[in-house]
PDB file of N, CA and C in Angstrom:
ATOM      1  N   MET A   1       6.459  -0.870  10.862  1.00  0.00           N
ATOM      2  CA  MET A   1       5.586   0.049  10.160  1.00  0.00           C
ATOM      3  C   MET A   1       4.304  -0.677   9.781  1.00  0.00           C
ATOM      4  N   ARG A   2       3.197  -0.003  10.032  1.00  0.00           N
ATOM      5  CA  ARG A   2       1.885  -0.513   9.630  1.00  0.00           C
ATOM      6  C   ARG A   2       1.279   0.485   8.654  1.00  0.00           C
ATOM      7  N   ILE A   3       0.432  -0.003   7.782  1.00  0.00           N
ATOM      8  CA  ILE A   3      -0.182   0.849   6.771  1.00  0.00           C
ATOM      9  C   ILE A   3      -1.691   0.700   6.840  1.00  0.00           C
ATOM     10  N   SER A   4      -2.375   1.829   6.753  1.00  0.00           N
ATOM     11  CA  SER A   4      -3.833   1.852   6.672  1.00  0.00           C
ATOM     12  C   SER A   4      -4.212   2.039   5.213  1.00  0.00           C
ATOM     13  N   VAL A   5      -5.164   1.245   4.750  1.00  0.00           N
ATOM     14  CA  VAL A   5      -5.637   1.330   3.369  1.00  0.00           C
ATOM     15  C   VAL A   5      -7.089   1.783   3.388  1.00  0.00           C
ATOM     16  N   ASP A   6      -7.358   2.883   2.697  1.00  0.00           N
ATOM     17  CA  ASP A   6      -8.726   3.379   2.543  1.00  0.00           C
ATOM     18  C   ASP A   6      -9.256   2.832   1.218  1.00  0.00           C
ATOM     19  N   HIS A   7      -9.918   1.680   1.295  1.00  0.00           N
ATOM     20  CA  HIS A   7     -10.387   1.006   0.081  1.00  0.00           C
ATOM     21  C   HIS A   7     -11.431   1.828  -0.668  1.00  0.00           C
ATOM     22  N   ALA A   8     -12.212   2.613   0.033  1.00  0.00           N
ATOM     23  CA  ALA A   8     -13.219   3.452  -0.619  1.00  0.00           C
ATOM     24  C   ALA A   8     -12.564   4.546  -1.463  1.00  0.00           C
ATOM     25  N   ARG A   9     -11.382   4.952  -1.061  1.00  0.00           N
ATOM     26  CA  ARG A   9     -10.672   6.024  -1.755  1.00  0.00           C
ATOM     27  C   ARG A   9      -9.849   5.508  -2.943  1.00  0.00           C
ATOM     28  N   CYS A  10      -9.442   4.251  -2.884  1.00  0.00           N
ATOM     29  CA  CYS A  10      -8.587   3.657  -3.920  1.00  0.00           C
ATOM     30  C   CYS A  10      -9.294   3.691  -5.277  1.00  0.00           C
ATOM     31  N   GLU A  11      -8.571   4.168  -6.286  1.00  0.00           N
ATOM     32  CA  GLU A  11      -9.095   4.215  -7.656  1.00  0.00           C
ATOM     33  C   GLU A  11      -8.408   3.201  -8.570  1.00  0.00           C
ATOM     34  N   GLY A  12      -7.550   2.364  -8.010  1.00  0.00           N
ATOM     35  CA  GLY A  12      -6.932   1.294  -8.773  1.00  0.00           C
ATOM     36  C   GLY A  12      -5.858   1.719  -9.752  1.00  0.00           C
ATOM     37  N   HIS A  13      -5.175   2.808  -9.470  1.00  0.00           N
ATOM     38  CA  HIS A  13      -4.102   3.264 -10.362  1.00  0.00           C
ATOM     39  C   HIS A  13      -2.951   2.261 -10.424  1.00  0.00           C
ATOM     40  N   GLY A  14      -2.700   1.543  -9.338  1.00  0.00           N
ATOM     41  CA  GLY A  14      -1.673   0.515  -9.305  1.00  0.00           C
ATOM     42  C   GLY A  14      -0.264   1.017  -9.075  1.00  0.00           C
ATOM     43  N   LEU A  15      -0.112   2.301  -8.796  1.00  0.00           N
ATOM     44  CA  LEU A  15       1.226   2.841  -8.558  1.00  0.00           C
ATOM     45  C   LEU A  15       1.871   2.208  -7.320  1.00  0.00           C
ATOM     46  N   CYS A  16       1.063   1.909  -6.322  1.00  0.00           N
ATOM     47  CA  CYS A  16       1.591   1.287  -5.101  1.00  0.00           C
ATOM     48  C   CYS A  16       2.161  -0.093  -5.414  1.00  0.00           C
ATOM     49  N   ALA A  17       1.430  -0.876  -6.194  1.00  0.00           N
ATOM     50  CA  ALA A  17       1.894  -2.213  -6.560  1.00  0.00           C
ATOM     51  C   ALA A  17       3.145  -2.146  -7.431  1.00  0.00           C
ATOM     52  N   GLY A  18       3.218  -1.140  -8.269  1.00  0.00           N
ATOM     53  CA  GLY A  18       4.412  -0.957  -9.081  1.00  0.00           C
ATOM     54  C   GLY A  18       5.611  -0.550  -8.261  1.00  0.00           C
ATOM     55  N   GLN A  19       5.384   0.248  -7.238  1.00  0.00           N
ATOM     56  CA  GLN A  19       6.457   0.746  -6.378  1.00  0.00           C
ATOM     57  C   GLN A  19       6.911  -0.312  -5.365  1.00  0.00           C
ATOM     58  N   ALA A  20       5.955  -1.080  -4.846  1.00  0.00           N
ATOM     59  CA  ALA A  20       6.267  -2.069  -3.802  1.00  0.00           C
ATOM     60  C   ALA A  20       5.469  -3.354  -4.053  1.00  0.00           C
ATOM     61  N   PRO A  21       5.861  -4.131  -5.068  1.00  0.00           N
ATOM     62  CA  PRO A  21       5.097  -5.333  -5.415  1.00  0.00           C
ATOM     63  C   PRO A  21       5.113  -6.428  -4.351  1.00  0.00           C
ATOM     64  N   ASP A  22       6.045  -6.362  -3.414  1.00  0.00           N
ATOM     65  CA  ASP A  22       6.071  -7.334  -2.322  1.00  0.00           C
ATOM     66  C   ASP A  22       5.200  -6.906  -1.152  1.00  0.00           C
ATOM     67  N   VAL A  23       4.594  -5.716  -1.262  1.00  0.00           N
ATOM     68  CA  VAL A  23       3.754  -5.179  -0.187  1.00  0.00           C
ATOM     69  C   VAL A  23       2.315  -4.982  -0.658  1.00  0.00           C
ATOM     70  N   PHE A  24       2.140  -4.593  -1.919  1.00  0.00           N
ATOM     71  CA  PHE A  24       0.814  -4.300  -2.458  1.00  0.00           C
ATOM     72  C   PHE A  24       0.576  -5.048  -3.758  1.00  0.00           C
ATOM     73  N   ASP A  25      -0.692  -5.332  -4.009  1.00  0.00           N
ATOM     74  CA  ASP A  25      -1.120  -5.932  -5.261  1.00  0.00           C
ATOM     75  C   ASP A  25      -2.477  -5.331  -5.598  1.00  0.00           C
ATOM     76  N   LEU A  26      -2.972  -5.593  -6.774  1.00  0.00           N
ATOM     77  CA  LEU A  26      -4.334  -5.197  -7.143  1.00  0.00           C
ATOM     78  C   LEU A  26      -5.137  -6.461  -7.375  1.00  0.00           C
ATOM     79  N   ASP A  27      -6.386  -6.462  -6.913  1.00  0.00           N
ATOM     80  CA  ASP A  27      -7.240  -7.623  -7.145  1.00  0.00           C
ATOM     81  C   ASP A  27      -7.888  -7.519  -8.531  1.00  0.00           C
ATOM     82  N   ASP A  28      -8.779  -8.434  -8.842  1.00  0.00           N
ATOM     83  CA  ASP A  28      -9.416  -8.463 -10.161  1.00  0.00           C
ATOM     84  C   ASP A  28     -10.293  -7.252 -10.435  1.00  0.00           C
ATOM     85  N   ASP A  29     -10.684  -6.540  -9.375  1.00  0.00           N
ATOM     86  CA  ASP A  29     -11.494  -5.329  -9.516  1.00  0.00           C
ATOM     87  C   ASP A  29     -10.642  -4.068  -9.449  1.00  0.00           C
ATOM     88  N   ALA A  30      -9.325  -4.227  -9.559  1.00  0.00           N
ATOM     89  CA  ALA A  30      -8.361  -3.115  -9.512  1.00  0.00           C
ATOM     90  C   ALA A  30      -8.407  -2.380  -8.173  1.00  0.00           C
ATOM     91  N   GLN A  31      -8.623  -3.117  -7.098  1.00  0.00           N
ATOM     92  CA  GLN A  31      -8.581  -2.554  -5.760  1.00  0.00           C
ATOM     93  C   GLN A  31      -7.296  -3.024  -5.080  1.00  0.00           C
ATOM     94  N   VAL A  32      -6.714  -2.138  -4.302  1.00  0.00           N
ATOM     95  CA  VAL A  32      -5.450  -2.454  -3.645  1.00  0.00           C
ATOM     96  C   VAL A  32      -5.617  -3.585  -2.632  1.00  0.00           C
ATOM     97  N   VAL A  33      -4.626  -4.457  -2.615  1.00  0.00           N
ATOM     98  CA  VAL A  33      -4.535  -5.531  -1.636  1.00  0.00           C
ATOM     99  C   VAL A  33      -3.227  -5.310  -0.885  1.00  0.00           C
ATOM    100  N   TYR A  34      -3.328  -5.093   0.411  1.00  0.00           N
ATOM    101  CA  TYR A  34      -2.157  -4.908   1.268  1.00  0.00           C
ATOM    102  C   TYR A  34      -1.755  -6.295   1.755  1.00  0.00           C
ATOM    103  N   LEU A  35      -0.611  -6.772   1.321  1.00  0.00           N
ATOM    104  CA  LEU A  35      -0.207  -8.147   1.572  1.00  0.00           C
ATOM    105  C   LEU A  35       0.152  -8.436   3.031  1.00  0.00           C
ATOM    106  N   PHE A  36       0.280  -7.402   3.844  1.00  0.00           N
ATOM    107  CA  PHE A  36       0.589  -7.585   5.259  1.00  0.00           C
ATOM    108  C   PHE A  36      -0.561  -7.088   6.132  1.00  0.00           C
ATOM    109  N   GLU A  37      -1.783  -7.168   5.624  1.00  0.00           N
ATOM    110  CA  GLU A  37      -2.976  -6.716   6.356  1.00  0.00           C
ATOM    111  C   GLU A  37      -2.980  -7.310   7.756  1.00  0.00           C
ATOM    112  N   GLY A  38      -3.152  -6.445   8.735  1.00  0.00           N
ATOM    113  CA  GLY A  38      -3.184  -6.882  10.125  1.00  0.00           C
ATOM    114  C   GLY A  38      -1.809  -7.071  10.744  1.00  0.00           C
ATOM    115  N   GLY A  39      -0.771  -6.781   9.969  1.00  0.00           N
ATOM    116  CA  GLY A  39       0.581  -6.951  10.486  1.00  0.00           C
ATOM    117  C   GLY A  39       1.457  -5.773  10.118  1.00  0.00           C
ATOM    118  N   THR A  40       2.724  -5.948  10.307  1.00  0.00           N
ATOM    119  CA  THR A  40       3.669  -4.886  10.001  1.00  0.00           C
ATOM    120  C   THR A  40       4.482  -5.251   8.761  1.00  0.00           C
ATOM    121  N   VAL A  41       4.938  -4.245   8.075  1.00  0.00           N
ATOM    122  CA  VAL A  41       5.775  -4.437   6.902  1.00  0.00           C
ATOM    123  C   VAL A  41       7.157  -4.888   7.379  1.00  0.00           C
ATOM    124  N   PRO A  42       7.675  -5.978   6.824  1.00  0.00           N
ATOM    125  CA  PRO A  42       9.009  -6.436   7.209  1.00  0.00           C
ATOM    126  C   PRO A  42      10.073  -5.389   6.873  1.00  0.00           C
ATOM    127  N   PRO A  43      11.137  -5.346   7.649  1.00  0.00           N
ATOM    128  CA  PRO A  43      12.174  -4.322   7.471  1.00  0.00           C
ATOM    129  C   PRO A  43      12.734  -4.228   6.050  1.00  0.00           C
ATOM    130  N   GLU A  44      12.849  -5.353   5.377  1.00  0.00           N
ATOM    131  CA  GLU A  44      13.425  -5.324   4.031  1.00  0.00           C
ATOM    132  C   GLU A  44      12.519  -4.661   2.993  1.00  0.00           C
ATOM    133  N   HIS A  45      11.268  -4.399   3.354  1.00  0.00           N
ATOM    134  CA  HIS A  45      10.325  -3.771   2.426  1.00  0.00           C
ATOM    135  C   HIS A  45       9.921  -2.353   2.843  1.00  0.00           C
ATOM    136  N   LEU A  46      10.516  -1.843   3.911  1.00  0.00           N
ATOM    137  CA  LEU A  46      10.115  -0.531   4.443  1.00  0.00           C
ATOM    138  C   LEU A  46      10.289   0.605   3.442  1.00  0.00           C
ATOM    139  N   ALA A  47      11.423   0.694   2.804  1.00  0.00           N
ATOM    140  CA  ALA A  47      11.667   1.806   1.877  1.00  0.00           C
ATOM    141  C   ALA A  47      10.681   1.782   0.729  1.00  0.00           C
ATOM    142  N   ALA A  48      10.437   0.623   0.155  1.00  0.00           N
ATOM    143  CA  ALA A  48       9.491   0.514  -0.957  1.00  0.00           C
ATOM    144  C   ALA A  48       8.064   0.821  -0.492  1.00  0.00           C
ATOM    145  N   ALA A  49       7.696   0.360   0.704  1.00  0.00           N
ATOM    146  CA  ALA A  49       6.358   0.620   1.234  1.00  0.00           C
ATOM    147  C   ALA A  49       6.134   2.114   1.451  1.00  0.00           C
ATOM    148  N   ARG A  50       7.125   2.796   2.003  1.00  0.00           N
ATOM    149  CA  ARG A  50       6.997   4.243   2.210  1.00  0.00           C
ATOM    150  C   ARG A  50       6.885   4.976   0.872  1.00  0.00           C
ATOM    151  N   ALA A  51       7.659   4.543  -0.104  1.00  0.00           N
ATOM    152  CA  ALA A  51       7.589   5.155  -1.430  1.00  0.00           C
ATOM    153  C   ALA A  51       6.206   4.944  -2.041  1.00  0.00           C
ATOM    154  N   ALA A  52       5.626   3.766  -1.834  1.00  0.00           N
ATOM    155  CA  ALA A  52       4.295   3.479  -2.362  1.00  0.00           C
ATOM    156  C   ALA A  52       3.234   4.351  -1.699  1.00  0.00           C
ATOM    157  N   VAL A  53       3.335   4.540  -0.398  1.00  0.00           N
ATOM    158  CA  VAL A  53       2.399   5.420   0.317  1.00  0.00           C
ATOM    159  C   VAL A  53       2.478   6.832  -0.268  1.00  0.00           C
ATOM    160  N   ASN A  54       3.680   7.289  -0.519  1.00  0.00           N
ATOM    161  CA  ASN A  54       3.879   8.654  -1.022  1.00  0.00           C
ATOM    162  C   ASN A  54       3.457   8.841  -2.468  1.00  0.00           C
ATOM    163  N   VAL A  55       3.458   7.776  -3.259  1.00  0.00           N
ATOM    164  CA  VAL A  55       3.151   7.899  -4.677  1.00  0.00           C
ATOM    165  C   VAL A  55       1.645   7.782  -4.973  1.00  0.00           C
ATOM    166  N   CYS A  56       0.850   7.341  -4.027  1.00  0.00           N
ATOM    167  CA  CYS A  56      -0.589   7.170  -4.265  1.00  0.00           C
ATOM    168  C   CYS A  56      -1.229   8.513  -4.601  1.00  0.00           C
ATOM    169  N   PRO A  57      -1.815   8.638  -5.802  1.00  0.00           N
ATOM    170  CA  PRO A  57      -2.360   9.929  -6.231  1.00  0.00           C
ATOM    171  C   PRO A  57      -3.643  10.346  -5.515  1.00  0.00           C
ATOM    172  N   VAL A  58      -4.294   9.407  -4.812  1.00  0.00           N
ATOM    173  CA  VAL A  58      -5.547   9.747  -4.116  1.00  0.00           C
ATOM    174  C   VAL A  58      -5.434   9.591  -2.610  1.00  0.00           C
ATOM    175  N   ALA A  59      -4.205   9.424  -2.120  1.00  0.00           N
ATOM    176  CA  ALA A  59      -3.930   9.298  -0.683  1.00  0.00           C
ATOM    177  C   ALA A  59      -4.773   8.196  -0.021  1.00  0.00           C
ATOM    178  N   ALA A  60      -4.863   7.056  -0.691  1.00  0.00           N
ATOM    179  CA  ALA A  60      -5.599   5.915  -0.131  1.00  0.00           C
ATOM    180  C   ALA A  60      -4.754   5.123   0.869  1.00  0.00           C
ATOM    181  N   LEU A  61      -3.456   5.414   0.913  1.00  0.00           N
ATOM    182  CA  LEU A  61      -2.543   4.710   1.810  1.00  0.00           C
ATOM    183  C   LEU A  61      -1.993   5.685   2.827  1.00  0.00           C
ATOM    184  N   ARG A  62      -1.835   5.196   4.046  1.00  0.00           N
ATOM    185  CA  ARG A  62      -1.308   6.061   5.107  1.00  0.00           C
ATOM    186  C   ARG A  62      -0.459   5.234   6.047  1.00  0.00           C
ATOM    187  N   GLU A  63       0.722   5.738   6.349  1.00  0.00           N
ATOM    188  CA  GLU A  63       1.587   5.075   7.323  1.00  0.00           C
ATOM    189  C   GLU A  63       1.055   5.378   8.720  1.00  0.00           C
ATOM    190  N   LEU A  64       0.867   4.346   9.516  1.00  0.00           N
ATOM    191  CA  LEU A  64       0.359   4.510  10.869  1.00  0.00           C
ATOM    192  C   LEU A  64       1.513   4.684  11.835  1.00  0.00           C
ATOM    193  N   GLN A  65       1.349   5.565  12.782  1.00  0.00           N
ATOM    194  CA  GLN A  65       2.347   5.763  13.822  1.00  0.00           C
ATOM    195  C   GLN A  65       2.150   4.686  14.883  1.00  0.00           C
ATOM    196  N   HIS A  66       3.214   4.311  15.526  1.00  0.00           N
ATOM    197  CA  HIS A  66       3.135   3.266  16.558  1.00  0.00           C
ATOM    198  C   HIS A  66       2.468   3.788  17.798  1.00  0.00           C
TER     199      HIS A  66
END
């Protein structure tokens, strides 16, 4: 699974980081940091990553199809 992050859309709510702290973080400017940028989410983090995508209130995260 790969995730697309729309940084312009992110409002820094941090719900993604709360839902999947091993996949997402917030930087000092409260912008989302995708910890697997350019790669795929490891299998052990898939459920949390999908939950984080679904919980984003501004749809800044999107699961990419293969």
